[in-house]
Amino acid sequence: MSAVDPLAGILAQIAGADAGASADAALNLGIALELLQAQLAVGDVLAAVVLPPQNGHDLLEILGQNVVAVLPPDVRPGETLLLQVTAFAGNQILVRNVGLLDPRNPVQTVTIEIPPQNAPTATLTTI
């Protein structure tokens, strides 16, 4: 996993204050669109694990990258948010929060391989 660079991370709010809300966000992994689209498709669901806060910032682990985010107070470390891919723009994956993973009714999620030299810093921004 890559380290979080607080100066490079952009604060983002990807989960609404209530469970029924969904918010769109842009995930920039700093890699070429061709590599992303070769492994992901619109409609795929990604797992984003809520990590313990660090230096006053909420953190998520998405596709092997630590991402600074602003999360609602009811989301706890160890929980998994589900993010559905809605589009691609440049080297960004556009995602929508579709809620927390329900262990009793799991959703199939996608993982991708990101070459370490191609993924310097991940950022997540609201759109």
N, C-alpha and C. Protein backbone atom coordinates (compact mmCIF):
# COMPACT_ATOMS: atom_id res chain seq x y z
N MET A 1 0.82 -1.18 0.00
CA MET A 1 0.00 0.00 0.00
C MET A 1 0.86 1.23 0.00
N SER A 2 0.39 2.25 -0.70
CA SER A 2 1.16 3.48 -0.74
C SER A 2 0.84 4.33 0.48
N ALA A 3 1.76 5.19 0.84
CA ALA A 3 1.54 6.09 1.97
C ALA A 3 0.66 7.25 1.53
N VAL A 4 -0.03 7.85 2.46
CA VAL A 4 -0.88 8.98 2.17
C VAL A 4 -0.05 10.25 2.26
N ASP A 5 -0.12 11.07 1.25
CA ASP A 5 0.54 12.38 1.25
C ASP A 5 -0.54 13.42 1.53
N PRO A 6 -0.62 13.94 2.77
CA PRO A 6 -1.69 14.87 3.12
C PRO A 6 -1.74 16.10 2.23
N LEU A 7 -0.61 16.53 1.67
CA LEU A 7 -0.62 17.70 0.79
C LEU A 7 -1.19 17.37 -0.58
N ALA A 8 -1.03 16.14 -1.01
CA ALA A 8 -1.52 15.75 -2.33
C ALA A 8 -2.96 15.26 -2.27
N GLY A 9 -3.38 14.75 -1.13
CA GLY A 9 -4.74 14.26 -1.00
C GLY A 9 -5.73 15.40 -0.98
N ILE A 10 -6.82 15.25 -1.71
CA ILE A 10 -7.86 16.26 -1.73
C ILE A 10 -9.02 15.75 -0.89
N LEU A 11 -9.44 16.57 0.09
CA LEU A 11 -10.54 16.15 0.93
C LEU A 11 -11.79 15.97 0.08
N ALA A 12 -12.51 14.90 0.35
CA ALA A 12 -13.70 14.61 -0.43
C ALA A 12 -14.77 14.02 0.46
N GLN A 13 -15.99 14.29 0.13
CA GLN A 13 -17.10 13.68 0.85
C GLN A 13 -17.78 12.74 -0.11
N ILE A 14 -17.63 11.43 0.11
CA ILE A 14 -18.19 10.47 -0.83
C ILE A 14 -19.40 9.76 -0.29
N ALA A 15 -19.70 9.95 0.97
CA ALA A 15 -20.86 9.29 1.54
C ALA A 15 -21.78 10.34 2.12
N GLY A 16 -23.07 10.25 1.81
CA GLY A 16 -24.03 11.21 2.31
C GLY A 16 -24.23 11.07 3.81
N ALA A 17 -24.84 12.06 4.42
CA ALA A 17 -25.07 12.04 5.86
C ALA A 17 -26.06 10.97 6.26
N ASP A 18 -26.98 10.60 5.36
CA ASP A 18 -27.92 9.53 5.70
C ASP A 18 -27.65 8.34 4.79
N ALA A 19 -28.08 7.18 5.23
CA ALA A 19 -27.75 5.93 4.53
C ALA A 19 -28.29 5.90 3.12
N GLY A 20 -29.39 6.61 2.82
CA GLY A 20 -30.00 6.56 1.50
C GLY A 20 -29.34 7.49 0.51
N ALA A 21 -28.46 8.37 0.94
CA ALA A 21 -27.85 9.34 0.04
C ALA A 21 -26.71 8.71 -0.72
N SER A 22 -26.56 9.16 -1.96
CA SER A 22 -25.39 8.74 -2.71
C SER A 22 -24.71 9.98 -3.25
N ALA A 23 -23.41 9.96 -3.28
CA ALA A 23 -22.64 11.09 -3.78
C ALA A 23 -21.69 10.59 -4.84
N ASP A 24 -21.43 11.43 -5.82
CA ASP A 24 -20.49 11.07 -6.86
C ASP A 24 -19.12 11.64 -6.51
N ALA A 25 -18.08 10.93 -6.91
CA ALA A 25 -16.72 11.38 -6.65
C ALA A 25 -15.83 10.94 -7.80
N ALA A 26 -14.71 11.62 -7.96
CA ALA A 26 -13.72 11.27 -8.97
C ALA A 26 -12.49 10.72 -8.27
N LEU A 27 -12.10 9.54 -8.63
CA LEU A 27 -10.93 8.87 -8.07
C LEU A 27 -9.80 8.94 -9.07
N ASN A 28 -8.72 9.61 -8.70
CA ASN A 28 -7.56 9.76 -9.57
C ASN A 28 -6.43 8.92 -9.00
N LEU A 29 -6.07 7.86 -9.71
CA LEU A 29 -4.99 6.98 -9.25
C LEU A 29 -3.66 7.36 -9.88
N GLY A 30 -3.65 8.37 -10.74
CA GLY A 30 -2.41 8.80 -11.37
C GLY A 30 -1.88 7.83 -12.40
N ILE A 31 -2.77 7.03 -13.01
CA ILE A 31 -2.34 6.09 -14.04
C ILE A 31 -3.17 6.30 -15.30
N ALA A 32 -2.70 5.77 -16.41
CA ALA A 32 -3.33 5.98 -17.71
C ALA A 32 -4.73 5.37 -17.77
N LEU A 33 -5.60 6.08 -18.49
CA LEU A 33 -6.98 5.63 -18.67
C LEU A 33 -7.03 4.23 -19.30
N GLU A 34 -6.12 3.96 -20.23
CA GLU A 34 -6.12 2.66 -20.91
C GLU A 34 -5.96 1.50 -19.92
N LEU A 35 -5.09 1.69 -18.93
CA LEU A 35 -4.87 0.65 -17.92
C LEU A 35 -6.11 0.46 -17.07
N LEU A 36 -6.77 1.58 -16.71
CA LEU A 36 -7.99 1.49 -15.91
C LEU A 36 -9.10 0.79 -16.68
N GLN A 37 -9.33 1.21 -17.92
CA GLN A 37 -10.43 0.65 -18.71
C GLN A 37 -10.18 -0.80 -19.12
N ALA A 38 -8.92 -1.22 -19.15
CA ALA A 38 -8.62 -2.62 -19.47
C ALA A 38 -9.07 -3.54 -18.34
N GLN A 39 -9.20 -3.00 -17.13
CA GLN A 39 -9.52 -3.83 -15.98
C GLN A 39 -10.86 -3.50 -15.32
N LEU A 40 -11.43 -2.34 -15.66
CA LEU A 40 -12.69 -1.90 -15.05
C LEU A 40 -13.69 -1.54 -16.13
N ALA A 41 -14.97 -1.65 -15.80
CA ALA A 41 -16.04 -1.24 -16.70
C ALA A 41 -17.07 -0.45 -15.91
N VAL A 42 -17.81 0.40 -16.62
CA VAL A 42 -18.91 1.12 -15.98
C VAL A 42 -19.87 0.09 -15.39
N GLY A 43 -20.27 0.32 -14.16
CA GLY A 43 -21.15 -0.61 -13.45
C GLY A 43 -20.42 -1.50 -12.47
N ASP A 44 -19.10 -1.67 -12.62
CA ASP A 44 -18.32 -2.46 -11.67
C ASP A 44 -18.39 -1.80 -10.29
N VAL A 45 -18.30 -2.62 -9.26
CA VAL A 45 -18.34 -2.13 -7.88
C VAL A 45 -16.98 -2.36 -7.24
N LEU A 46 -16.46 -1.29 -6.63
CA LEU A 46 -15.18 -1.33 -5.93
C LEU A 46 -15.42 -1.29 -4.44
N ALA A 47 -14.60 -1.98 -3.68
CA ALA A 47 -14.66 -1.94 -2.22
C ALA A 47 -13.69 -0.89 -1.71
N ALA A 48 -14.17 -0.04 -0.80
CA ALA A 48 -13.34 0.99 -0.17
C ALA A 48 -13.40 0.77 1.33
N VAL A 49 -12.31 0.29 1.91
CA VAL A 49 -12.26 -0.02 3.34
C VAL A 49 -11.95 1.26 4.12
N VAL A 50 -12.75 1.53 5.14
CA VAL A 50 -12.54 2.69 5.99
C VAL A 50 -11.38 2.36 6.93
N LEU A 51 -10.35 3.20 6.89
CA LEU A 51 -9.17 3.03 7.73
C LEU A 51 -9.26 3.95 8.95
N PRO A 52 -8.49 3.68 9.99
CA PRO A 52 -8.47 4.60 11.14
C PRO A 52 -7.96 5.97 10.69
N PRO A 53 -8.52 7.03 11.26
CA PRO A 53 -8.06 8.38 10.89
C PRO A 53 -6.57 8.54 11.17
N GLN A 54 -5.94 9.41 10.38
CA GLN A 54 -4.51 9.68 10.54
C GLN A 54 -4.29 11.19 10.40
N ASN A 55 -3.62 11.79 11.37
CA ASN A 55 -3.33 13.23 11.35
C ASN A 55 -4.60 14.06 11.16
N GLY A 56 -5.70 13.62 11.77
CA GLY A 56 -6.96 14.35 11.69
C GLY A 56 -7.75 14.16 10.41
N HIS A 57 -7.31 13.25 9.54
CA HIS A 57 -7.99 13.01 8.27
C HIS A 57 -8.59 11.61 8.24
N ASP A 58 -9.81 11.49 7.71
CA ASP A 58 -10.39 10.19 7.44
C ASP A 58 -9.66 9.57 6.26
N LEU A 59 -9.54 8.24 6.27
CA LEU A 59 -8.83 7.53 5.21
C LEU A 59 -9.67 6.37 4.69
N LEU A 60 -9.53 6.11 3.39
CA LEU A 60 -10.09 4.93 2.74
C LEU A 60 -8.97 4.20 2.03
N GLU A 61 -9.09 2.89 1.91
CA GLU A 61 -8.18 2.10 1.08
C GLU A 61 -9.00 1.64 -0.12
N ILE A 62 -8.62 2.13 -1.30
CA ILE A 62 -9.31 1.81 -2.54
C ILE A 62 -8.28 1.30 -3.54
N LEU A 63 -8.48 0.12 -4.07
CA LEU A 63 -7.60 -0.45 -5.08
C LEU A 63 -6.13 -0.39 -4.67
N GLY A 64 -5.89 -0.66 -3.39
CA GLY A 64 -4.52 -0.70 -2.89
C GLY A 64 -3.93 0.66 -2.59
N GLN A 65 -4.70 1.71 -2.75
CA GLN A 65 -4.22 3.07 -2.50
C GLN A 65 -4.93 3.66 -1.29
N ASN A 66 -4.20 4.36 -0.43
CA ASN A 66 -4.81 5.08 0.68
C ASN A 66 -5.26 6.44 0.17
N VAL A 67 -6.51 6.82 0.45
CA VAL A 67 -7.09 8.04 -0.06
C VAL A 67 -7.67 8.84 1.10
N VAL A 68 -7.34 10.13 1.17
CA VAL A 68 -7.90 11.02 2.18
C VAL A 68 -9.33 11.34 1.77
N ALA A 69 -10.26 11.27 2.72
CA ALA A 69 -11.67 11.53 2.44
C ALA A 69 -12.31 12.16 3.66
N VAL A 70 -13.47 12.77 3.47
CA VAL A 70 -14.28 13.25 4.57
C VAL A 70 -15.49 12.33 4.63
N LEU A 71 -15.63 11.64 5.75
CA LEU A 71 -16.69 10.65 5.89
C LEU A 71 -17.69 11.10 6.94
N PRO A 72 -18.95 10.66 6.81
CA PRO A 72 -19.93 11.00 7.83
C PRO A 72 -19.58 10.32 9.15
N PRO A 73 -20.05 10.85 10.27
CA PRO A 73 -19.66 10.31 11.58
C PRO A 73 -20.13 8.89 11.84
N ASP A 74 -21.13 8.39 11.10
CA ASP A 74 -21.63 7.04 11.37
C ASP A 74 -20.85 5.95 10.64
N VAL A 75 -19.82 6.32 9.86
CA VAL A 75 -18.97 5.33 9.19
C VAL A 75 -17.77 5.07 10.08
N ARG A 76 -17.47 3.81 10.34
CA ARG A 76 -16.42 3.43 11.29
C ARG A 76 -15.27 2.70 10.61
N PRO A 77 -14.06 2.82 11.17
CA PRO A 77 -12.92 2.05 10.64
C PRO A 77 -13.26 0.56 10.61
N GLY A 78 -12.84 -0.08 9.53
CA GLY A 78 -13.11 -1.50 9.34
C GLY A 78 -14.31 -1.77 8.47
N GLU A 79 -15.22 -0.79 8.35
CA GLU A 79 -16.38 -0.97 7.47
C GLU A 79 -15.94 -0.82 6.02
N THR A 80 -16.73 -1.38 5.12
CA THR A 80 -16.42 -1.32 3.70
C THR A 80 -17.52 -0.59 2.96
N LEU A 81 -17.15 0.51 2.29
CA LEU A 81 -18.07 1.23 1.43
C LEU A 81 -18.02 0.61 0.04
N LEU A 82 -19.15 0.58 -0.65
CA LEU A 82 -19.20 0.09 -2.01
C LEU A 82 -19.30 1.29 -2.95
N LEU A 83 -18.39 1.36 -3.91
CA LEU A 83 -18.34 2.46 -4.87
C LEU A 83 -18.55 1.88 -6.27
N GLN A 84 -19.59 2.33 -6.96
CA GLN A 84 -19.89 1.84 -8.30
C GLN A 84 -19.28 2.77 -9.34
N VAL A 85 -18.57 2.20 -10.31
CA VAL A 85 -17.97 2.98 -11.39
C VAL A 85 -19.10 3.49 -12.28
N THR A 86 -19.13 4.84 -12.48
CA THR A 86 -20.17 5.44 -13.33
C THR A 86 -19.63 5.93 -14.67
N ALA A 87 -18.33 6.24 -14.72
CA ALA A 87 -17.72 6.72 -15.97
C ALA A 87 -16.22 6.83 -15.80
N PHE A 88 -15.55 7.17 -16.89
CA PHE A 88 -14.11 7.45 -16.88
C PHE A 88 -13.91 8.83 -17.50
N ALA A 89 -12.97 9.59 -16.96
CA ALA A 89 -12.63 10.90 -17.51
C ALA A 89 -11.14 11.12 -17.31
N GLY A 90 -10.40 11.17 -18.39
CA GLY A 90 -8.95 11.31 -18.27
C GLY A 90 -8.39 10.11 -17.53
N ASN A 91 -7.63 10.38 -16.46
CA ASN A 91 -7.11 9.27 -15.65
C ASN A 91 -7.92 9.10 -14.38
N GLN A 92 -9.18 9.57 -14.40
CA GLN A 92 -10.06 9.45 -13.24
C GLN A 92 -11.12 8.39 -13.45
N ILE A 93 -11.44 7.72 -12.36
CA ILE A 93 -12.58 6.81 -12.32
C ILE A 93 -13.68 7.56 -11.59
N LEU A 94 -14.82 7.76 -12.23
CA LEU A 94 -15.94 8.41 -11.56
C LEU A 94 -16.75 7.33 -10.86
N VAL A 95 -17.01 7.53 -9.58
CA VAL A 95 -17.69 6.52 -8.76
C VAL A 95 -18.86 7.14 -8.00
N ARG A 96 -19.80 6.29 -7.63
CA ARG A 96 -20.95 6.68 -6.81
C ARG A 96 -20.98 5.76 -5.60
N ASN A 97 -21.14 6.35 -4.44
CA ASN A 97 -21.27 5.58 -3.21
C ASN A 97 -22.63 4.89 -3.22
N VAL A 98 -22.62 3.56 -3.09
CA VAL A 98 -23.88 2.82 -3.05
C VAL A 98 -24.14 2.19 -1.68
N GLY A 99 -23.38 2.62 -0.67
CA GLY A 99 -23.64 2.18 0.70
C GLY A 99 -22.57 1.27 1.26
N LEU A 100 -22.87 0.77 2.44
CA LEU A 100 -21.94 -0.13 3.14
C LEU A 100 -22.14 -1.57 2.69
N LEU A 101 -21.06 -2.32 2.71
CA LEU A 101 -21.11 -3.75 2.42
C LEU A 101 -21.92 -4.44 3.50
N ASP A 102 -22.89 -5.25 3.09
CA ASP A 102 -23.70 -6.03 4.02
C ASP A 102 -23.16 -7.46 3.99
N PRO A 103 -22.51 -7.92 5.08
CA PRO A 103 -21.91 -9.26 5.07
C PRO A 103 -22.94 -10.37 4.85
N ARG A 104 -24.21 -10.11 5.16
CA ARG A 104 -25.25 -11.13 4.95
C ARG A 104 -25.70 -11.19 3.50
N ASN A 105 -25.42 -10.12 2.74
CA ASN A 105 -25.82 -10.05 1.34
C ASN A 105 -24.67 -9.42 0.54
N PRO A 106 -23.54 -10.14 0.42
CA PRO A 106 -22.36 -9.54 -0.21
C PRO A 106 -22.57 -9.24 -1.69
N VAL A 107 -21.93 -8.18 -2.14
CA VAL A 107 -21.93 -7.77 -3.53
C VAL A 107 -20.57 -8.11 -4.10
N GLN A 108 -20.54 -8.64 -5.32
CA GLN A 108 -19.26 -8.96 -5.94
C GLN A 108 -18.55 -7.66 -6.31
N THR A 109 -17.31 -7.54 -5.84
CA THR A 109 -16.51 -6.35 -6.14
C THR A 109 -15.35 -6.72 -7.06
N VAL A 110 -14.78 -5.71 -7.69
CA VAL A 110 -13.70 -5.88 -8.65
C VAL A 110 -12.39 -5.41 -8.02
N THR A 111 -11.32 -6.10 -8.33
CA THR A 111 -9.99 -5.64 -7.95
C THR A 111 -9.18 -5.49 -9.23
N ILE A 112 -8.23 -4.58 -9.21
CA ILE A 112 -7.36 -4.41 -10.37
C ILE A 112 -5.91 -4.40 -9.92
N GLU A 113 -5.02 -4.67 -10.85
CA GLU A 113 -3.59 -4.63 -10.58
C GLU A 113 -3.05 -3.29 -11.05
N ILE A 114 -2.42 -2.55 -10.15
CA ILE A 114 -1.82 -1.27 -10.48
C ILE A 114 -0.31 -1.40 -10.33
N PRO A 115 0.42 -1.27 -11.43
CA PRO A 115 1.88 -1.34 -11.30
C PRO A 115 2.37 -0.25 -10.36
N PRO A 116 3.20 -0.58 -9.35
CA PRO A 116 3.63 0.40 -8.36
C PRO A 116 4.26 1.65 -8.95
N GLN A 117 5.00 1.51 -10.03
CA GLN A 117 5.64 2.68 -10.61
C GLN A 117 4.64 3.61 -11.29
N ASN A 118 3.41 3.15 -11.53
CA ASN A 118 2.42 3.96 -12.22
C ASN A 118 1.41 4.61 -11.29
N ALA A 119 1.51 4.40 -9.98
CA ALA A 119 0.51 4.91 -9.07
C ALA A 119 1.15 5.74 -7.94
N PRO A 120 1.59 6.95 -8.25
CA PRO A 120 2.29 7.73 -7.23
C PRO A 120 1.41 8.14 -6.05
N THR A 121 0.28 8.78 -6.30
CA THR A 121 -0.59 9.27 -5.24
C THR A 121 -2.03 9.20 -5.72
N ALA A 122 -2.91 8.71 -4.89
CA ALA A 122 -4.33 8.64 -5.24
C ALA A 122 -5.05 9.82 -4.60
N THR A 123 -6.02 10.38 -5.31
CA THR A 123 -6.87 11.43 -4.74
C THR A 123 -8.31 11.15 -5.09
N LEU A 124 -9.20 11.63 -4.25
CA LEU A 124 -10.63 11.44 -4.45
C LEU A 124 -11.29 12.79 -4.26
N THR A 125 -12.05 13.23 -5.25
CA THR A 125 -12.71 14.54 -5.16
C THR A 125 -14.19 14.39 -5.49
N THR A 126 -15.02 15.20 -4.84
CA THR A 126 -16.44 15.17 -5.16
C THR A 126 -16.66 15.84 -6.50
N ILE A 127 -17.73 15.39 -7.19
CA ILE A 127 -18.07 16.00 -8.47
C ILE A 127 -19.52 16.43 -8.46
